[in-house]
Amino acid sequence: MKIGWKKSAIVLFSAILLTACGTQNDKKPAGGEANGDSKPSEKTYKIGVTQIVEHPSLNAAFDGFKKAIEESGLKVEYDIQNAQNEPSNNSTIANNLVNSKVDLIFANSTPSAQSVASATKDIPIIFTSVTDPVGAELVSSMDQPGANVTGTIDTHPDAIPNTLKFMKEQLNIKKIGMVFNSGEQNSRAQVDNVKKLASGLGLEIKEAPVASSADVKLATESLVGKVDGLYIISDNTVVSALGSVVSVANENKLPMMAAEFDSVKGGALGAFGFEYFDIGYEAGQMAVKVLKGEKKPSEMPAQLPQNLKLVINQETAKTIGVEVKEDWKAEYSK
């Protein structure tokens, strides 16, 4: 089956870590001319940062965000707070950032964005690593966000269909296991979408919900013998414990596709995805426009990832006995 999205690509790697490369910001450094000179503004902006948990994808998104701010020439101070994957911490962090009167909030994940959006209708909020901002009630629509919130999302409309077709047609998988945190709206939305698309392809989805990262290994083991492949979405709880899933998958020769590249670096067989650095960078560009007074969040549509490609981990393929076919490049690079 040909993949119609023209910007897909395939990248094969073994023990090599991929380095994300963000697009260049074509804006001139901030500050402009003041009182006849061309020195940058001396104003220092305070950016509050809220992130649900430490894991490579979210960290890469924050790196991209900071890079865009750095390239803009703006002077900033960051107030960085991490919820350590404890939902109850999100509200506390949101209130802390609002009370400290930051100039802008960068919300890195759906739960983080939901908490700050509930805490303030005045401070500009730029999110990333959010899968369904409309369903999460962060924006009114992708094109017209409304209010004080906008940002970049961590899914592409072609990613799930491409993944399911690849699993069925290239890996001969019929039953797919999904481990996810059912308490995350972001994850529930992804799983429901996967199930809907899988049904049309004649694929069966087996769910293994978890409440915390401590449950991930046991939940993955519960799928052994019931499925012939795994699909790990961009679920913060599961990705933070990815090693447990990889060990079970490899031990049982189960091909595991993921939703993002950092999981492929961590041992998943492959992913149709994008660099989290890039969506963080794009969110940073949006934040620059807000801080410069060029745009309000309500005036900037929420953005899809700009680049989608297929990445295969050759070392994992060898471990589980999957042959990396040459024609994957031809079929999935359109």
Protein backbone atom coordinates (compact mmCIF):
# COMPACT_ATOMS: atom_id res chain seq x y z
CA MET A 1 0.00 0.00 0.00
CA LYS A 2 1.46 3.33 -1.01
CA ILE A 3 1.64 6.01 1.64
CA GLY A 4 0.22 9.19 0.22
CA TRP A 5 1.94 11.70 2.49
CA LYS A 6 4.82 12.99 0.42
CA LYS A 7 7.26 14.02 3.12
CA SER A 8 7.78 10.60 4.76
CA ALA A 9 11.28 9.19 4.92
CA ILE A 10 12.96 6.14 6.39
CA VAL A 11 15.98 6.26 8.65
CA LEU A 12 17.84 3.12 9.72
CA PHE A 13 20.11 3.13 12.71
CA SER A 14 21.84 0.63 14.97
CA ALA A 15 23.80 2.06 17.88
CA ILE A 16 23.67 5.63 16.62
CA LEU A 17 21.72 8.33 18.43
CA LEU A 18 19.87 10.70 16.12
CA THR A 19 20.39 14.39 16.70
CA ALA A 20 17.33 16.51 16.19
CA CYS A 21 17.81 19.49 13.97
CA GLY A 22 15.31 22.31 14.34
CA THR A 23 14.31 24.60 11.55
CA GLN A 24 15.99 27.97 11.52
CA ASN A 25 14.05 30.90 12.90
CA ASP A 26 13.89 33.50 10.20
CA LYS A 27 13.04 36.31 12.59
CA LYS A 28 15.58 39.01 13.42
CA PRO A 29 16.77 39.23 17.02
CA ALA A 30 14.30 40.94 19.32
CA GLY A 31 14.75 44.40 20.69
CA GLY A 32 14.74 46.62 17.62
CA GLU A 33 16.07 50.15 17.80
CA ALA A 34 15.39 52.26 20.85
CA ASN A 35 16.49 55.87 21.35
CA GLY A 36 18.52 55.76 18.17
CA ASP A 37 20.62 52.66 18.93
CA SER A 38 20.30 49.08 17.75
CA LYS A 39 21.03 47.32 21.04
CA PRO A 40 18.62 44.55 22.08
CA SER A 41 16.03 45.43 24.69
CA GLU A 42 17.27 45.07 28.26
CA LYS A 43 13.93 43.70 29.44
CA THR A 44 14.20 40.24 30.96
CA TYR A 45 11.12 38.09 30.49
CA LYS A 46 10.13 35.43 32.99
CA ILE A 47 8.91 32.17 31.49
CA GLY A 48 7.27 29.58 33.70
CA VAL A 49 7.79 25.97 32.64
CA THR A 50 5.56 23.10 33.74
CA GLN A 51 6.31 19.52 32.69
CA ILE A 52 4.52 16.36 33.79
CA VAL A 53 7.55 14.05 34.05
CA GLU A 54 11.18 13.63 33.02
CA HIS A 55 11.61 11.56 29.89
CA PRO A 56 13.64 12.03 26.68
CA SER A 57 10.82 13.22 24.41
CA LEU A 58 9.57 15.95 26.75
CA ASN A 59 13.12 16.98 27.57
CA ALA A 60 13.91 17.27 23.85
CA ALA A 61 10.81 19.43 23.36
CA PHE A 62 11.99 21.78 26.09
CA ASP A 63 15.46 21.91 24.51
CA GLY A 64 13.86 22.93 21.22
CA PHE A 65 11.77 25.59 22.95
CA LYS A 66 14.85 27.08 24.63
CA LYS A 67 16.76 27.06 21.34
CA ALA A 68 14.07 29.15 19.63
CA ILE A 69 14.06 31.63 22.52
CA GLU A 70 17.86 31.84 22.45
CA GLU A 71 17.92 32.50 18.71
CA SER A 72 15.36 35.30 19.08
CA GLY A 73 17.74 37.45 21.12
CA LEU A 74 15.26 37.86 23.97
CA LYS A 75 16.57 37.81 27.52
CA VAL A 76 14.66 35.34 29.66
CA GLU A 77 14.69 33.66 33.04
CA TYR A 78 13.04 30.25 33.44
CA ASP A 79 11.04 29.06 36.42
CA ILE A 80 11.15 25.30 35.77
CA GLN A 81 8.82 22.98 37.68
CA ASN A 82 8.26 19.24 37.18
CA ALA A 83 5.28 17.28 38.50
CA GLN A 84 7.26 14.00 38.65
CA ASN A 85 4.24 12.24 37.11
CA GLU A 86 2.07 13.05 40.14
CA PRO A 87 -1.20 14.56 38.85
CA SER A 88 -1.85 16.31 42.17
CA ASN A 89 1.34 18.34 41.69
CA ASN A 90 0.07 19.96 38.49
CA SER A 91 -2.39 22.27 40.23
CA THR A 92 0.22 23.33 42.77
CA ILE A 93 2.71 24.12 40.01
CA ALA A 94 0.09 26.04 38.03
CA ASN A 95 -0.82 28.19 41.03
CA ASN A 96 2.85 28.80 41.81
CA LEU A 97 3.53 30.06 38.29
CA VAL A 98 0.46 32.28 38.24
CA ASN A 99 1.26 33.76 41.65
CA SER A 100 4.84 34.51 40.58
CA LYS A 101 3.42 36.62 37.73
CA VAL A 102 5.43 35.09 34.92
CA ASP A 103 5.18 36.72 31.48
CA LEU A 104 4.39 33.44 29.70
CA ILE A 105 3.90 29.78 30.58
CA PHE A 106 5.35 26.91 28.55
CA ALA A 107 3.27 23.79 29.26
CA ASN A 108 4.98 20.56 28.22
CA SER A 109 2.29 17.79 28.16
CA THR A 110 -1.50 17.63 28.22
CA PRO A 111 -1.96 17.42 32.03
CA SER A 112 0.46 20.32 32.53
CA ALA A 113 -1.38 22.46 29.97
CA GLN A 114 -4.81 21.64 31.40
CA SER A 115 -3.76 22.71 34.89
CA VAL A 116 -2.32 26.08 33.89
CA ALA A 117 -5.23 26.77 31.53
CA SER A 118 -7.57 26.29 34.49
CA ALA A 119 -5.44 28.52 36.70
CA THR A 120 -5.22 31.60 34.47
CA LYS A 121 -7.12 33.22 31.63
CA ASP A 122 -4.69 36.16 31.44
CA ILE A 123 -1.12 34.84 31.23
CA PRO A 124 -0.24 33.59 27.71
CA ILE A 125 0.19 29.80 27.57
CA ILE A 126 2.13 27.99 24.83
CA PHE A 127 1.90 24.19 24.96
CA THR A 128 3.63 21.32 23.25
CA SER A 129 3.53 17.51 23.56
CA VAL A 130 -0.28 17.68 23.51
CA THR A 131 -2.14 15.16 21.34
CA ASP A 132 -5.71 16.45 21.27
CA PRO A 133 -5.94 20.09 22.40
CA VAL A 134 -9.60 20.37 21.37
CA GLY A 135 -10.62 17.22 23.27
CA ALA A 136 -8.55 18.38 26.25
CA GLU A 137 -10.50 21.67 26.13
CA LEU A 138 -7.35 23.73 25.74
CA VAL A 139 -8.45 25.40 22.50
CA SER A 140 -11.80 25.96 20.81
CA SER A 141 -10.43 24.69 17.51
CA MET A 142 -7.05 24.12 15.89
CA ASP A 143 -7.50 27.11 13.56
CA GLN A 144 -9.05 29.46 16.09
CA PRO A 145 -7.73 28.62 19.56
CA GLY A 146 -9.46 31.47 21.36
CA ALA A 147 -8.53 32.71 24.84
CA ASN A 148 -4.89 32.67 26.00
CA VAL A 149 -3.71 29.22 24.92
CA THR A 150 -2.14 27.76 21.77
CA GLY A 151 0.84 25.60 20.82
CA THR A 152 2.10 22.56 18.92
CA ILE A 153 0.73 19.03 19.03
CA ASP A 154 2.58 15.72 19.13
CA THR A 155 0.62 13.72 16.61
CA HIS A 156 0.18 13.83 12.85
CA PRO A 157 -2.99 12.62 11.07
CA ASP A 158 -0.92 10.22 8.96
CA ALA A 159 1.10 8.71 11.81
CA ILE A 160 -1.41 6.21 13.22
CA PRO A 161 -2.80 5.04 9.84
CA ASN A 162 0.74 4.54 8.51
CA THR A 163 1.76 2.62 11.62
CA LEU A 164 -1.23 0.27 11.52
CA LYS A 165 -0.82 -0.41 7.79
CA PHE A 166 2.89 -1.08 8.32
CA MET A 167 2.19 -3.50 11.18
CA LYS A 168 -0.42 -5.38 9.15
CA GLU A 169 1.21 -5.40 5.70
CA GLN A 170 4.91 -5.54 6.54
CA LEU A 171 5.01 -7.30 9.93
CA ASN A 172 1.98 -9.58 9.47
CA ILE A 173 0.48 -8.50 12.79
CA LYS A 174 -3.23 -9.09 13.43
CA LYS A 175 -3.56 -8.54 17.19
CA ILE A 176 -1.97 -5.43 18.69
CA GLY A 177 -1.39 -4.85 22.40
CA MET A 178 -1.50 -1.32 23.82
CA VAL A 179 -0.20 -0.38 27.28
CA PHE A 180 -1.35 3.09 28.37
CA ASN A 181 -2.47 5.23 31.29
CA SER A 182 -6.26 5.33 31.04
CA GLY A 183 -6.30 8.37 33.34
CA GLU A 184 -4.54 10.54 30.76
CA GLN A 185 -7.00 12.20 28.38
CA ASN A 186 -4.15 12.45 25.87
CA SER A 187 -3.68 8.67 25.92
CA ARG A 188 -7.36 7.76 25.91
CA ALA A 189 -7.87 9.87 22.79
CA GLN A 190 -5.00 8.12 21.00
CA VAL A 191 -6.16 4.62 21.91
CA ASP A 192 -9.72 5.35 20.80
CA ASN A 193 -8.41 6.64 17.47
CA VAL A 194 -6.19 3.56 17.03
CA LYS A 195 -9.13 1.24 17.75
CA LYS A 196 -11.35 3.04 15.24
CA LEU A 197 -8.75 2.86 12.46
CA ALA A 198 -7.71 -0.71 13.33
CA SER A 199 -11.28 -1.93 12.98
CA GLY A 200 -11.34 -0.75 9.38
CA LEU A 201 -8.16 -2.71 8.68
CA GLY A 202 -9.37 -5.92 10.32
CA LEU A 203 -6.95 -5.54 13.24
CA GLU A 204 -7.79 -6.36 16.86
CA ILE A 205 -6.66 -4.15 19.74
CA LYS A 206 -6.00 -5.55 23.22
CA GLU A 207 -5.82 -2.91 25.96
CA ALA A 208 -3.60 -3.09 29.04
CA PRO A 209 -4.32 0.05 31.09
CA VAL A 210 -2.00 1.19 33.91
CA ALA A 211 -2.23 3.76 36.68
CA SER A 212 1.50 4.35 37.25
CA SER A 213 4.90 3.50 35.81
CA ALA A 214 5.22 0.73 38.40
CA ASP A 215 2.37 -1.13 36.64
CA VAL A 216 3.92 -1.04 33.16
CA LYS A 217 5.96 -4.26 33.22
CA LEU A 218 3.13 -6.38 34.62
CA ALA A 219 0.64 -4.91 32.17
CA THR A 220 2.95 -5.66 29.23
CA GLU A 221 3.46 -9.23 30.45
CA SER A 222 -0.32 -9.67 30.61
CA LEU A 223 -0.43 -9.26 26.82
CA VAL A 224 2.06 -12.04 26.07
CA GLY A 225 0.33 -14.88 24.22
CA LYS A 226 -2.66 -12.68 23.40
CA VAL A 227 -1.07 -10.39 20.79
CA ASP A 228 1.58 -10.63 18.09
CA GLY A 229 2.77 -7.02 18.28
CA LEU A 230 2.75 -3.92 20.49
CA TYR A 231 2.00 -0.28 19.75
CA ILE A 232 3.26 2.22 22.34
CA ILE A 233 1.66 5.64 21.93
CA SER A 234 3.01 8.92 23.33
CA ASP A 235 1.86 8.10 26.86
CA ASN A 236 3.93 9.88 29.53
CA THR A 237 3.55 7.10 32.11
CA VAL A 238 4.51 4.25 29.77
CA VAL A 239 7.31 6.07 27.94
CA SER A 240 8.91 6.96 31.28
CA ALA A 241 9.13 3.19 31.96
CA LEU A 242 9.87 2.14 28.38
CA GLY A 243 12.70 -0.20 29.37
CA SER A 244 10.17 -2.54 30.98
CA VAL A 245 8.16 -2.77 27.77
CA VAL A 246 11.26 -3.28 25.61
CA SER A 247 12.53 -6.12 27.80
CA VAL A 248 9.20 -7.99 27.62
CA ALA A 249 8.84 -7.36 23.88
CA ASN A 250 12.35 -8.53 23.04
CA GLU A 251 12.18 -11.58 25.29
CA ASN A 252 8.97 -12.70 23.57
CA LYS A 253 9.98 -11.64 20.01
CA LEU A 254 7.11 -9.14 19.80
CA PRO A 255 7.59 -6.33 17.27
CA MET A 256 6.92 -3.05 19.03
CA MET A 257 6.07 0.12 17.13
CA ALA A 258 6.12 3.46 18.92
CA ALA A 259 4.72 6.93 18.39
CA GLU A 260 7.99 8.86 18.60
CA PHE A 261 11.69 8.51 17.85
CA ASP A 262 13.05 8.58 21.38
CA SER A 263 11.25 5.29 22.03
CA VAL A 264 12.96 3.85 18.94
CA LYS A 265 16.31 4.94 20.34
CA GLY A 266 15.20 3.26 23.57
CA GLY A 267 14.57 -0.09 21.87
CA ALA A 268 11.27 -0.01 19.98
CA LEU A 269 11.40 -1.53 16.50
CA GLY A 270 10.22 1.59 14.70
CA ALA A 271 7.99 4.64 14.51
CA PHE A 272 6.32 6.97 12.08
CA GLY A 273 7.05 10.21 13.80
CA PHE A 274 8.91 13.45 14.19
CA GLU A 275 11.51 14.99 16.46
CA TYR A 276 10.14 16.37 19.73
CA PHE A 277 12.91 18.95 19.54
CA ASP A 278 11.21 20.31 16.42
CA ILE A 279 7.74 20.72 17.92
CA GLY A 280 9.33 22.34 20.98
CA TYR A 281 11.26 24.68 18.70
CA GLU A 282 8.09 25.61 16.83
CA ALA A 283 6.35 26.29 20.16
CA GLY A 284 9.30 28.50 21.11
CA GLN A 285 8.85 30.51 17.92
CA MET A 286 5.23 31.07 18.89
CA ALA A 287 6.30 32.20 22.37
CA VAL A 288 8.71 34.72 20.85
CA LYS A 289 5.89 36.33 18.86
CA VAL A 290 3.81 36.61 22.03
CA LEU A 291 6.61 38.11 24.12
CA LYS A 292 7.46 40.61 21.39
CA GLY A 293 3.84 41.68 21.26
CA GLU A 294 3.47 40.62 17.62
CA LYS A 295 0.73 38.06 18.23
CA LYS A 296 -1.68 36.88 20.91
CA PRO A 297 -2.16 33.13 21.48
CA SER A 298 -5.72 33.47 20.19
CA GLU A 299 -4.34 34.71 16.86
CA MET A 300 -2.03 31.73 16.23
CA PRO A 301 -3.52 28.38 15.11
CA ALA A 302 -2.33 25.28 16.95
CA GLN A 303 0.25 23.55 14.77
CA LEU A 304 0.82 20.00 13.53
CA PRO A 305 4.37 18.58 13.38
CA GLN A 306 5.97 19.71 10.12
CA ASN A 307 8.00 16.56 9.33
CA LEU A 308 6.91 12.90 9.42
CA LYS A 309 9.21 9.97 8.69
CA LEU A 310 9.71 6.27 9.38
CA VAL A 311 12.60 5.25 11.62
CA ILE A 312 13.68 1.62 12.14
CA ASN A 313 16.03 0.35 14.85
CA GLN A 314 18.13 -2.28 13.07
CA GLU A 315 19.58 -3.65 16.32
CA THR A 316 16.11 -4.36 17.70
CA ALA A 317 15.05 -5.86 14.36
CA LYS A 318 17.97 -8.28 14.58
CA THR A 319 17.18 -9.13 18.22
CA ILE A 320 13.57 -10.13 17.50
CA GLY A 321 14.25 -11.69 14.10
CA VAL A 322 12.63 -9.08 11.84
CA GLU A 323 14.21 -8.60 8.42
CA VAL A 324 14.60 -4.97 7.43
CA LYS A 325 13.34 -4.99 3.85
CA GLU A 326 14.83 -2.82 1.16
CA ASP A 327 11.43 -2.12 -0.35
CA TRP A 328 10.31 -0.37 2.86
CA LYS A 329 12.17 2.65 1.56
CA ALA A 330 10.27 2.54 -1.73
CA GLU A 331 6.89 1.88 -0.15
CA TYR A 332 7.11 4.28 2.78
CA SER A 333 9.16 7.18 1.44
CA LYS A 334 6.52 8.88 -0.68
